[in-house]
Amino acid sequence: MDNPLVKALFALLFATSMFTSGCVSTTTVDYRYEVDDGAKNSNTDGTTDVLFTMTLVDADEAMPMADLLVTIDMDEDGKVPCRSETTSDCTLTQSGDDDDLWELDEVISVVETGLDICKANCILRFTVTGPEDAKIVGPTILHIS
């Protein structure tokens, strides 16, 4: 490595890597939730039932509520999106202090708002999605009786 050109190229490569070290990120935020059907036999033919609750039990950071989406698969009847806004047939209501974030140990209720998603007994298949590059882990099926 006595060649001055090789030394200069090595120094340039090293300096460039120092300045770009934080530019490429492969960080994934992890969220883990649990689901509970605490109010057994509470589902009716009505359109305002609490279907189930979700608790954030492990997270690298709080999740913005605007990014949280629970999608219930109603088989032949299609998919029902559930968000914190009340503009759909299903909404997410919070128990915490900050309406903008789903925080650790906070309970969110998945509630019918205008559509009878589940009568007395049903099996719900659902997906939970969040911010881009988030890894969300929890159940995807729930038997409600």
N, C-alpha and C. Protein backbone atom coordinates (compact mmCIF):
# COMPACT_ATOMS: atom_id res chain seq x y z
N MET A 1 0.81 -1.16 0.00
CA MET A 1 0.00 0.00 0.00
C MET A 1 0.87 1.25 0.00
N ASP A 2 1.98 1.16 -0.68
CA ASP A 2 2.87 2.30 -0.78
C ASP A 2 2.48 3.24 -1.92
N ASN A 3 1.58 2.82 -2.74
CA ASN A 3 1.15 3.63 -3.87
C ASN A 3 0.30 4.80 -3.36
N PRO A 4 0.70 6.06 -3.65
CA PRO A 4 -0.05 7.22 -3.16
C PRO A 4 -1.48 7.29 -3.72
N LEU A 5 -1.68 6.80 -4.93
CA LEU A 5 -3.01 6.81 -5.53
C LEU A 5 -3.95 5.88 -4.76
N VAL A 6 -3.46 4.70 -4.38
CA VAL A 6 -4.25 3.73 -3.61
C VAL A 6 -4.59 4.32 -2.25
N LYS A 7 -3.62 4.99 -1.61
CA LYS A 7 -3.85 5.61 -0.30
C LYS A 7 -4.91 6.71 -0.41
N ALA A 8 -4.83 7.50 -1.46
CA ALA A 8 -5.79 8.59 -1.65
C ALA A 8 -7.20 8.04 -1.89
N LEU A 9 -7.31 7.00 -2.72
CA LEU A 9 -8.61 6.39 -2.98
C LEU A 9 -9.18 5.76 -1.71
N PHE A 10 -8.34 5.11 -0.92
CA PHE A 10 -8.78 4.51 0.33
C PHE A 10 -9.28 5.59 1.30
N ALA A 11 -8.54 6.68 1.41
CA ALA A 11 -8.92 7.79 2.29
C ALA A 11 -10.25 8.41 1.83
N LEU A 12 -10.42 8.55 0.51
CA LEU A 12 -11.65 9.10 -0.03
C LEU A 12 -12.83 8.17 0.24
N LEU A 13 -12.64 6.90 0.05
CA LEU A 13 -13.68 5.91 0.31
C LEU A 13 -14.06 5.91 1.79
N PHE A 14 -13.07 5.97 2.67
CA PHE A 14 -13.32 5.99 4.11
C PHE A 14 -14.09 7.25 4.50
N ALA A 15 -13.69 8.39 3.98
CA ALA A 15 -14.36 9.66 4.31
C ALA A 15 -15.80 9.65 3.81
N THR A 16 -16.03 9.13 2.62
CA THR A 16 -17.38 9.07 2.06
C THR A 16 -18.27 8.16 2.90
N SER A 17 -17.73 7.05 3.35
CA SER A 17 -18.53 6.13 4.16
C SER A 17 -18.88 6.74 5.51
N MET A 18 -18.05 7.61 6.05
CA MET A 18 -18.33 8.27 7.32
C MET A 18 -19.53 9.22 7.18
N PHE A 19 -19.62 9.91 6.05
CA PHE A 19 -20.69 10.88 5.85
C PHE A 19 -22.02 10.23 5.50
N THR A 20 -22.01 9.05 4.93
CA THR A 20 -23.24 8.39 4.50
C THR A 20 -23.67 7.28 5.44
N SER A 21 -23.02 7.12 6.58
CA SER A 21 -23.31 5.99 7.46
C SER A 21 -24.74 6.00 7.98
N GLY A 22 -25.37 7.15 8.17
CA GLY A 22 -26.73 7.20 8.68
C GLY A 22 -27.79 7.32 7.60
N CYS A 23 -27.40 7.37 6.34
CA CYS A 23 -28.36 7.60 5.26
C CYS A 23 -29.15 6.36 4.89
N VAL A 24 -28.57 5.22 5.01
CA VAL A 24 -29.24 3.97 4.65
C VAL A 24 -29.71 3.32 5.93
N SER A 25 -31.02 3.20 6.08
CA SER A 25 -31.58 2.65 7.30
C SER A 25 -32.46 1.45 6.97
N THR A 26 -32.28 0.39 7.73
CA THR A 26 -33.13 -0.79 7.58
C THR A 26 -33.87 -1.06 8.88
N THR A 27 -34.07 -0.02 9.67
CA THR A 27 -34.74 -0.16 10.96
C THR A 27 -36.23 -0.44 10.76
N THR A 28 -36.71 -1.44 11.45
CA THR A 28 -38.12 -1.77 11.45
C THR A 28 -38.65 -1.58 12.87
N VAL A 29 -39.75 -0.88 13.00
CA VAL A 29 -40.37 -0.68 14.30
C VAL A 29 -41.26 -1.88 14.59
N ASP A 30 -41.14 -2.45 15.78
CA ASP A 30 -41.91 -3.62 16.16
C ASP A 30 -43.06 -3.25 17.10
N TYR A 31 -44.24 -3.83 16.83
CA TYR A 31 -45.40 -3.67 17.69
C TYR A 31 -45.98 -5.06 17.94
N ARG A 32 -46.32 -5.36 19.20
CA ARG A 32 -46.97 -6.64 19.52
C ARG A 32 -48.23 -6.33 20.32
N TYR A 33 -49.34 -6.92 19.90
CA TYR A 33 -50.62 -6.66 20.56
C TYR A 33 -51.27 -7.96 20.96
N GLU A 34 -52.18 -7.87 21.92
CA GLU A 34 -53.01 -9.00 22.35
C GLU A 34 -54.47 -8.61 22.13
N VAL A 35 -55.30 -9.62 21.90
CA VAL A 35 -56.72 -9.40 21.64
C VAL A 35 -57.54 -10.08 22.72
N ASP A 36 -58.64 -9.44 23.12
CA ASP A 36 -59.52 -10.01 24.13
C ASP A 36 -60.98 -9.80 23.72
N ASP A 37 -61.77 -10.83 23.92
CA ASP A 37 -63.22 -10.73 23.75
C ASP A 37 -63.80 -10.77 25.16
N GLY A 38 -63.54 -9.72 25.91
CA GLY A 38 -63.89 -9.67 27.32
C GLY A 38 -65.37 -9.71 27.62
N ALA A 39 -66.18 -9.15 26.76
CA ALA A 39 -67.62 -9.11 27.00
C ALA A 39 -68.29 -10.29 26.30
N LYS A 40 -68.17 -11.46 26.86
CA LYS A 40 -68.74 -12.67 26.27
C LYS A 40 -70.25 -12.53 26.10
N ASN A 41 -70.75 -13.09 25.02
CA ASN A 41 -72.18 -13.09 24.70
C ASN A 41 -72.76 -11.67 24.62
N SER A 42 -71.95 -10.71 24.26
CA SER A 42 -72.45 -9.33 24.19
C SER A 42 -72.80 -8.90 22.77
N ASN A 43 -72.47 -9.71 21.79
CA ASN A 43 -72.77 -9.34 20.40
C ASN A 43 -74.24 -9.60 20.10
N THR A 44 -74.83 -8.66 19.38
CA THR A 44 -76.27 -8.70 19.10
C THR A 44 -76.50 -8.48 17.61
N ASP A 45 -77.76 -8.39 17.24
CA ASP A 45 -78.12 -8.04 15.87
C ASP A 45 -77.99 -6.54 15.63
N GLY A 46 -77.61 -5.79 16.66
CA GLY A 46 -77.46 -4.35 16.54
C GLY A 46 -76.20 -3.97 15.78
N THR A 47 -75.97 -2.67 15.69
CA THR A 47 -74.85 -2.18 14.89
C THR A 47 -73.91 -1.29 15.70
N THR A 48 -73.88 -1.51 17.04
CA THR A 48 -72.99 -0.72 17.89
C THR A 48 -72.21 -1.58 18.88
N ASP A 49 -72.04 -2.86 18.59
CA ASP A 49 -71.36 -3.78 19.51
C ASP A 49 -69.85 -3.54 19.52
N VAL A 50 -69.24 -3.74 20.70
CA VAL A 50 -67.78 -3.81 20.79
C VAL A 50 -67.42 -5.23 20.38
N LEU A 51 -66.70 -5.37 19.28
CA LEU A 51 -66.37 -6.70 18.76
C LEU A 51 -65.26 -7.35 19.58
N PHE A 52 -64.20 -6.61 19.85
CA PHE A 52 -63.09 -7.09 20.67
C PHE A 52 -62.22 -5.90 21.04
N THR A 53 -61.29 -6.15 21.96
CA THR A 53 -60.34 -5.12 22.34
C THR A 53 -58.93 -5.58 22.01
N MET A 54 -58.07 -4.62 21.77
CA MET A 54 -56.65 -4.88 21.48
C MET A 54 -55.82 -4.07 22.46
N THR A 55 -54.79 -4.70 23.02
CA THR A 55 -53.88 -4.02 23.93
C THR A 55 -52.48 -4.06 23.34
N LEU A 56 -51.83 -2.92 23.28
CA LEU A 56 -50.44 -2.86 22.82
C LEU A 56 -49.56 -3.30 23.98
N VAL A 57 -48.94 -4.47 23.86
CA VAL A 57 -48.19 -5.05 24.97
C VAL A 57 -46.68 -4.92 24.82
N ASP A 58 -46.20 -4.63 23.64
CA ASP A 58 -44.76 -4.45 23.44
C ASP A 58 -44.57 -3.58 22.20
N ALA A 59 -43.77 -2.53 22.35
CA ALA A 59 -43.57 -1.62 21.23
C ALA A 59 -42.26 -0.87 21.39
N ASP A 60 -41.61 -0.62 20.26
CA ASP A 60 -40.41 0.20 20.26
C ASP A 60 -40.76 1.66 20.49
N GLU A 61 -41.96 2.05 20.09
CA GLU A 61 -42.45 3.42 20.26
C GLU A 61 -43.96 3.40 20.10
N ALA A 62 -44.63 4.45 20.54
CA ALA A 62 -46.09 4.55 20.38
C ALA A 62 -46.43 4.64 18.89
N MET A 63 -47.58 4.09 18.52
CA MET A 63 -48.00 4.11 17.12
C MET A 63 -48.99 5.26 16.90
N PRO A 64 -48.78 6.05 15.87
CA PRO A 64 -49.76 7.10 15.55
C PRO A 64 -51.10 6.45 15.18
N MET A 65 -52.18 6.94 15.79
CA MET A 65 -53.50 6.38 15.52
C MET A 65 -53.90 6.54 14.05
N ALA A 66 -53.42 7.59 13.41
CA ALA A 66 -53.74 7.81 12.00
C ALA A 66 -53.19 6.69 11.12
N ASP A 67 -52.16 5.98 11.60
CA ASP A 67 -51.56 4.89 10.83
C ASP A 67 -52.18 3.53 11.14
N LEU A 68 -52.95 3.42 12.21
CA LEU A 68 -53.50 2.13 12.63
C LEU A 68 -54.76 1.81 11.84
N LEU A 69 -54.78 0.62 11.26
CA LEU A 69 -55.93 0.13 10.50
C LEU A 69 -56.18 -1.32 10.86
N VAL A 70 -57.40 -1.62 11.29
CA VAL A 70 -57.84 -3.00 11.51
C VAL A 70 -58.84 -3.30 10.40
N THR A 71 -58.57 -4.34 9.63
CA THR A 71 -59.46 -4.72 8.52
C THR A 71 -60.08 -6.06 8.85
N ILE A 72 -61.40 -6.09 8.94
CA ILE A 72 -62.13 -7.32 9.24
C ILE A 72 -62.59 -7.93 7.93
N ASP A 73 -62.27 -9.22 7.74
CA ASP A 73 -62.64 -9.95 6.53
C ASP A 73 -63.99 -10.63 6.77
N MET A 74 -65.01 -10.18 6.05
CA MET A 74 -66.36 -10.75 6.21
C MET A 74 -66.68 -11.76 5.10
N ASP A 75 -65.67 -12.48 4.63
CA ASP A 75 -65.82 -13.47 3.57
C ASP A 75 -66.51 -12.89 2.34
N GLU A 76 -67.70 -13.41 2.01
CA GLU A 76 -68.38 -12.98 0.79
C GLU A 76 -68.91 -11.55 0.86
N ASP A 77 -69.02 -11.00 2.07
CA ASP A 77 -69.51 -9.63 2.22
C ASP A 77 -68.40 -8.58 2.09
N GLY A 78 -67.19 -9.01 1.89
CA GLY A 78 -66.08 -8.08 1.69
C GLY A 78 -65.31 -7.78 2.97
N LYS A 79 -64.50 -6.75 2.90
CA LYS A 79 -63.66 -6.35 4.02
C LYS A 79 -64.16 -5.03 4.59
N VAL A 80 -64.09 -4.93 5.93
CA VAL A 80 -64.54 -3.72 6.61
C VAL A 80 -63.33 -3.06 7.27
N PRO A 81 -63.01 -1.83 6.87
CA PRO A 81 -61.89 -1.12 7.50
C PRO A 81 -62.34 -0.48 8.81
N CYS A 82 -61.50 -0.57 9.82
CA CYS A 82 -61.77 0.06 11.11
C CYS A 82 -60.63 1.03 11.41
N ARG A 83 -61.00 2.29 11.60
CA ARG A 83 -60.02 3.36 11.90
C ARG A 83 -60.53 4.18 13.07
N SER A 84 -59.68 5.08 13.51
CA SER A 84 -60.07 5.94 14.63
C SER A 84 -61.08 7.00 14.22
N GLU A 85 -61.19 7.30 12.92
CA GLU A 85 -62.23 8.22 12.47
C GLU A 85 -63.57 7.47 12.45
N THR A 86 -64.64 8.17 12.65
CA THR A 86 -65.95 7.53 12.69
C THR A 86 -66.67 7.62 11.35
N THR A 87 -65.94 7.60 10.27
CA THR A 87 -66.55 7.72 8.94
C THR A 87 -66.77 6.37 8.28
N SER A 88 -66.61 5.28 9.02
CA SER A 88 -66.78 3.97 8.41
C SER A 88 -67.78 3.15 9.22
N ASP A 89 -67.96 1.89 8.83
CA ASP A 89 -68.88 0.98 9.52
C ASP A 89 -68.27 0.38 10.77
N CYS A 90 -67.04 0.72 11.05
CA CYS A 90 -66.32 0.17 12.20
C CYS A 90 -65.31 1.24 12.65
N THR A 91 -65.20 1.42 13.95
CA THR A 91 -64.28 2.44 14.45
C THR A 91 -63.42 1.89 15.58
N LEU A 92 -62.33 2.56 15.85
CA LEU A 92 -61.41 2.22 16.93
C LEU A 92 -61.53 3.30 18.00
N THR A 93 -61.84 2.90 19.22
CA THR A 93 -61.92 3.87 20.32
C THR A 93 -60.84 3.54 21.34
N GLN A 94 -60.28 4.57 21.93
CA GLN A 94 -59.13 4.42 22.82
C GLN A 94 -59.51 4.60 24.29
N SER A 95 -58.63 4.09 25.14
CA SER A 95 -58.80 4.26 26.58
C SER A 95 -57.74 5.20 27.15
N GLY A 96 -56.75 5.56 26.36
CA GLY A 96 -55.62 6.35 26.86
C GLY A 96 -55.86 7.84 26.86
N ASP A 97 -54.83 8.57 27.26
CA ASP A 97 -54.90 10.02 27.38
C ASP A 97 -54.63 10.74 26.07
N ASP A 98 -53.78 10.17 25.24
CA ASP A 98 -53.37 10.84 24.00
C ASP A 98 -54.16 10.25 22.84
N ASP A 99 -55.09 11.01 22.28
CA ASP A 99 -55.94 10.53 21.19
C ASP A 99 -55.17 10.30 19.89
N ASP A 100 -53.96 10.82 19.79
CA ASP A 100 -53.18 10.70 18.56
C ASP A 100 -52.27 9.48 18.53
N LEU A 101 -52.09 8.79 19.69
CA LEU A 101 -51.13 7.69 19.76
C LEU A 101 -51.75 6.45 20.41
N TRP A 102 -51.35 5.28 19.91
CA TRP A 102 -51.64 4.01 20.59
C TRP A 102 -50.41 3.72 21.42
N GLU A 103 -50.53 3.83 22.72
CA GLU A 103 -49.40 3.74 23.62
C GLU A 103 -49.33 2.37 24.28
N LEU A 104 -48.17 2.05 24.83
CA LEU A 104 -47.94 0.78 25.51
C LEU A 104 -48.99 0.59 26.61
N ASP A 105 -49.58 -0.60 26.67
CA ASP A 105 -50.61 -1.01 27.63
C ASP A 105 -51.96 -0.32 27.42
N GLU A 106 -52.10 0.43 26.35
CA GLU A 106 -53.37 1.08 26.06
C GLU A 106 -54.31 0.11 25.36
N VAL A 107 -55.59 0.15 25.74
CA VAL A 107 -56.62 -0.72 25.17
C VAL A 107 -57.39 0.05 24.11
N ILE A 108 -57.56 -0.58 22.97
CA ILE A 108 -58.38 -0.03 21.88
C ILE A 108 -59.55 -0.97 21.65
N SER A 109 -60.75 -0.42 21.58
CA SER A 109 -61.94 -1.22 21.29
C SER A 109 -62.25 -1.13 19.80
N VAL A 110 -62.57 -2.27 19.20
CA VAL A 110 -63.00 -2.33 17.81
C VAL A 110 -64.52 -2.41 17.85
N VAL A 111 -65.19 -1.36 17.34
CA VAL A 111 -66.62 -1.18 17.57
C VAL A 111 -67.37 -1.06 16.24
N GLU A 112 -68.51 -1.76 16.16
CA GLU A 112 -69.41 -1.59 15.01
C GLU A 112 -70.01 -0.18 15.05
N THR A 113 -70.07 0.46 13.90
CA THR A 113 -70.72 1.78 13.83
C THR A 113 -71.57 1.85 12.58
N GLY A 114 -72.69 1.17 12.62
CA GLY A 114 -73.62 1.25 11.50
C GLY A 114 -73.75 -0.02 10.69
N LEU A 115 -72.96 -1.04 10.96
CA LEU A 115 -73.02 -2.30 10.24
C LEU A 115 -72.97 -3.44 11.24
N ASP A 116 -73.84 -4.43 11.08
CA ASP A 116 -73.84 -5.59 11.97
C ASP A 116 -72.76 -6.56 11.49
N ILE A 117 -71.54 -6.39 11.98
CA ILE A 117 -70.41 -7.21 11.55
C ILE A 117 -70.48 -8.61 12.15
N CYS A 118 -70.89 -8.70 13.42
CA CYS A 118 -70.94 -9.99 14.11
C CYS A 118 -72.22 -10.09 14.90
N LYS A 119 -72.96 -11.17 14.68
CA LYS A 119 -74.17 -11.40 15.47
C LYS A 119 -73.76 -12.11 16.76
N ALA A 120 -74.57 -12.95 17.31
CA ALA A 120 -74.29 -13.59 18.60
C ALA A 120 -73.01 -14.42 18.57
N ASN A 121 -72.79 -15.20 17.52
CA ASN A 121 -71.60 -16.04 17.41
C ASN A 121 -70.95 -15.82 16.06
N CYS A 122 -69.65 -15.68 16.05
CA CYS A 122 -68.96 -15.56 14.77
C CYS A 122 -67.46 -15.79 14.96
N ILE A 123 -66.81 -16.03 13.88
CA ILE A 123 -65.36 -16.09 13.84
C ILE A 123 -64.90 -14.91 13.00
N LEU A 124 -64.12 -14.04 13.60
CA LEU A 124 -63.62 -12.87 12.89
C LEU A 124 -62.19 -13.11 12.43
N ARG A 125 -61.97 -12.85 11.16
CA ARG A 125 -60.62 -12.85 10.61
C ARG A 125 -60.28 -11.40 10.33
N PHE A 126 -59.11 -10.97 10.79
CA PHE A 126 -58.77 -9.57 10.63
C PHE A 126 -57.26 -9.40 10.47
N THR A 127 -56.88 -8.27 9.94
CA THR A 127 -55.47 -7.90 9.84
C THR A 127 -55.30 -6.55 10.53
N VAL A 128 -54.11 -6.35 11.06
CA VAL A 128 -53.77 -5.10 11.71
C VAL A 128 -52.55 -4.55 10.99
N THR A 129 -52.66 -3.33 10.49
CA THR A 129 -51.53 -2.69 9.83
C THR A 129 -51.28 -1.35 10.50
N GLY A 130 -50.06 -0.88 10.31
CA GLY A 130 -49.66 0.37 10.94
C GLY A 130 -48.74 1.17 10.04
N PRO A 131 -47.81 1.89 10.64
CA PRO A 131 -46.91 2.74 9.85
C PRO A 131 -46.07 1.92 8.87
N GLU A 132 -45.61 2.58 7.83
CA GLU A 132 -44.73 1.94 6.87
C GLU A 132 -43.49 1.42 7.60
N ASP A 133 -43.01 0.26 7.21
CA ASP A 133 -41.84 -0.40 7.80
C ASP A 133 -42.08 -0.88 9.23
N ALA A 134 -43.34 -1.03 9.64
CA ALA A 134 -43.64 -1.56 10.97
C ALA A 134 -43.88 -3.06 10.88
N LYS A 135 -43.43 -3.77 11.89
CA LYS A 135 -43.71 -5.20 12.01
C LYS A 135 -44.73 -5.34 13.13
N ILE A 136 -45.93 -5.83 12.79
CA ILE A 136 -47.01 -5.91 13.76
C ILE A 136 -47.35 -7.38 13.97
N VAL A 137 -47.28 -7.82 15.23
CA VAL A 137 -47.45 -9.22 15.56
C VAL A 137 -48.58 -9.38 16.57
N GLY A 138 -49.49 -10.29 16.25
CA GLY A 138 -50.60 -10.59 17.13
C GLY A 138 -51.54 -11.54 16.42
N PRO A 139 -52.64 -11.92 17.06
CA PRO A 139 -53.57 -12.87 16.43
C PRO A 139 -54.26 -12.26 15.24
N THR A 140 -54.76 -13.13 14.36
CA THR A 140 -55.48 -12.69 13.17
C THR A 140 -56.84 -13.34 13.05
N ILE A 141 -57.24 -14.09 14.07
CA ILE A 141 -58.56 -14.73 14.07
C ILE A 141 -59.07 -14.77 15.51
N LEU A 142 -60.37 -14.60 15.66
CA LEU A 142 -60.98 -14.56 16.99
C LEU A 142 -62.36 -15.17 16.91
N HIS A 143 -62.64 -16.13 17.80
CA HIS A 143 -63.97 -16.75 17.88
C HIS A 143 -64.75 -16.00 18.95
N ILE A 144 -65.80 -15.33 18.55
CA ILE A 144 -66.62 -14.56 19.48
C ILE A 144 -67.90 -15.33 19.73
N SER A 145 -68.20 -15.58 21.00
CA SER A 145 -69.45 -16.29 21.34
C SER A 145 -70.17 -15.60 22.44
